C-alpha atoms as a PDB file:
ATOM      1  CA  MET A   1     -15.466   1.190  30.617  1.00  0.00           C
ATOM      2  CA  GLU A   2     -12.275   0.807  32.616  1.00  0.00           C
ATOM      3  CA  TYR A   3     -10.216   0.228  29.469  1.00  0.00           C
ATOM      4  CA  VAL A   4     -11.137   3.433  27.638  1.00  0.00           C
ATOM      5  CA  LEU A   5      -7.770   5.083  28.261  1.00  0.00           C
ATOM      6  CA  LEU A   6      -5.848   2.023  27.132  1.00  0.00           C
ATOM      7  CA  LEU A   7      -8.000   1.632  24.037  1.00  0.00           C
ATOM      8  CA  THR A   8      -7.413   5.305  23.222  1.00  0.00           C
ATOM      9  CA  LEU A   9      -3.671   4.717  23.576  1.00  0.00           C
ATOM     10  CA  ILE A  10      -3.920   1.700  21.256  1.00  0.00           C
ATOM     11  CA  VAL A  11      -5.710   3.739  18.593  1.00  0.00           C
ATOM     12  CA  ILE A  12      -3.158   6.557  18.848  1.00  0.00           C
ATOM     13  CA  LEU A  13      -0.244   4.133  18.569  1.00  0.00           C
ATOM     14  CA  ILE A  14      -1.740   2.384  15.551  1.00  0.00           C
ATOM     15  CA  VAL A  15      -2.489   5.667  13.765  1.00  0.00           C
ATOM     16  CA  TYR A  16       1.032   6.934  14.469  1.00  0.00           C
ATOM     17  CA  GLY A  17       2.527   3.636  13.344  1.00  0.00           C
ATOM     18  CA  LEU A  18       0.608   3.599  10.082  1.00  0.00           C
ATOM     19  CA  LEU A  19       1.512   7.218   9.342  1.00  0.00           C
ATOM     20  CA  ALA A  20       5.154   6.548  10.167  1.00  0.00           C
ATOM     21  CA  ILE A  21       5.282   3.530   7.875  1.00  0.00           C
ATOM     22  CA  LEU A  22       3.312   4.970   4.965  1.00  0.00           C
ATOM     23  CA  LYS A  23       4.276   8.681   5.052  1.00  0.00           C
ATOM     24  CA  PRO A  24       7.471   9.192   7.109  1.00  0.00           C
ATOM     25  CA  GLU A  25       8.251  12.456   5.340  1.00  0.00           C
ATOM     26  CA  ILE A  26       5.340  14.184   7.109  1.00  0.00           C
ATOM     27  CA  GLY A  27       7.197  14.058  10.414  1.00  0.00           C
ATOM     28  CA  TRP A  28      10.368  15.368   8.819  1.00  0.00           C
ATOM     29  CA  GLU A  29       8.573  18.327   7.256  1.00  0.00           C
ATOM     30  CA  ASN A  30       6.957  19.235  10.570  1.00  0.00           C
ATOM     31  CA  SER A  31       9.856  18.693  12.953  1.00  0.00           C
ATOM     32  CA  GLU A  32      13.212  18.595  11.149  1.00  0.00           C
ATOM     33  CA  LYS A  33      13.055  20.607   7.921  1.00  0.00           C
ATOM     34  CA  TRP A  34      13.436  23.991   9.606  1.00  0.00           C
ATOM     35  CA  LYS A  35      16.762  22.872  11.104  1.00  0.00           C
ATOM     36  CA  THR A  36      18.454  22.615   7.707  1.00  0.00           C
ATOM     37  CA  LEU A  37      19.222  25.407   5.302  1.00  0.00           C
ATOM     38  CA  ASP A  38      19.008  23.736   1.908  1.00  0.00           C
ATOM     39  CA  ALA A  39      17.629  20.241   2.475  1.00  0.00           C
ATOM     40  CA  GLU A  40      14.771  19.402   0.162  1.00  0.00           C
ATOM     41  CA  GLU A  41      13.924  15.956   1.520  1.00  0.00           C
ATOM     42  CA  ALA A  42      14.705  13.661   4.407  1.00  0.00           C
ATOM     43  CA  SER A  43      17.637  11.278   4.295  1.00  0.00           C
ATOM     44  CA  GLU A  44      17.093   7.569   3.785  1.00  0.00           C
ATOM     45  CA  ALA A  45      18.441   6.904   7.288  1.00  0.00           C
ATOM     46  CA  TYR A  46      15.829   9.202   8.812  1.00  0.00           C
ATOM     47  CA  LEU A  47      13.036   7.619   6.780  1.00  0.00           C
ATOM     48  CA  TRP A  48      14.063   4.118   7.841  1.00  0.00           C
ATOM     49  CA  GLN A  49      14.317   5.191  11.487  1.00  0.00           C
ATOM     50  CA  VAL A  50      10.784   6.594  11.390  1.00  0.00           C
ATOM     51  CA  ARG A  51       9.441   3.484   9.652  1.00  0.00           C
ATOM     52  CA  ILE A  52      11.036   1.216  12.252  1.00  0.00           C
ATOM     53  CA  SER A  53       9.561   3.325  15.066  1.00  0.00           C
ATOM     54  CA  GLY A  54       6.165   2.934  13.367  1.00  0.00           C
ATOM     55  CA  VAL A  55       6.526  -0.854  13.349  1.00  0.00           C
ATOM     56  CA  ILE A  56       7.541  -0.798  17.007  1.00  0.00           C
ATOM     57  CA  SER A  57       4.539   1.351  17.963  1.00  0.00           C
ATOM     58  CA  ILE A  58       2.135  -0.984  16.146  1.00  0.00           C
ATOM     59  CA  PHE A  59       3.739  -3.969  17.876  1.00  0.00           C
ATOM     60  CA  LEU A  60       3.356  -2.195  21.221  1.00  0.00           C
ATOM     61  CA  ALA A  61      -0.313  -1.450  20.503  1.00  0.00           C
ATOM     62  CA  ILE A  62      -0.975  -5.083  19.588  1.00  0.00           C
ATOM     63  CA  SER A  63       0.789  -6.214  22.766  1.00  0.00           C
ATOM     64  CA  VAL A  64      -1.330  -3.929  24.941  1.00  0.00           C
ATOM     65  CA  LEU A  65      -4.485  -5.103  23.170  1.00  0.00           C
ATOM     66  CA  ALA A  66      -3.472  -8.738  23.711  1.00  0.00           C
ATOM     67  CA  GLY A  67      -2.917  -8.012  27.395  1.00  0.00           C
ATOM     68  CA  ILE A  68      -6.363  -6.458  27.712  1.00  0.00           C
ATOM     69  CA  LEU A  69      -8.009  -9.363  25.917  1.00  0.00           C
ATOM     70  CA  LEU A  70      -6.154 -11.902  28.067  1.00  0.00           C
ATOM     71  CA  LYS A  71      -7.244 -10.121  31.232  1.00  0.00           C
ATOM     72  CA  ILE A  72     -10.863  -9.933  30.096  1.00  0.00           C
ATOM     73  CA  PHE A  73     -11.319 -13.434  28.706  1.00  0.00           C
ATOM     74  CA  TYR A  74      -8.706 -15.565  30.448  1.00  0.00           C
ATOM     75  CA  PHE A  75      -7.932 -14.125  33.866  1.00  0.00           C
ATOM     76  CA  SER A  76     -11.387 -12.871  34.833  1.00  0.00           C
END
């Protein structure tokens, strides 16, 4: 029960990471499109940046999960 907050964080990071990798244009439409006058789609640089941040967030989630599992099964 003491790991509920961390497990919630892991789920959020994995969902964000998967969305960022699979559909990076969603973030652009919601946060960046209004800043440009005639842009129809995000640039390739932006899409790659979002995909890389998705990979990093999934890696972070896996690292936190590994830390929890180590604490539970190895250091207890």
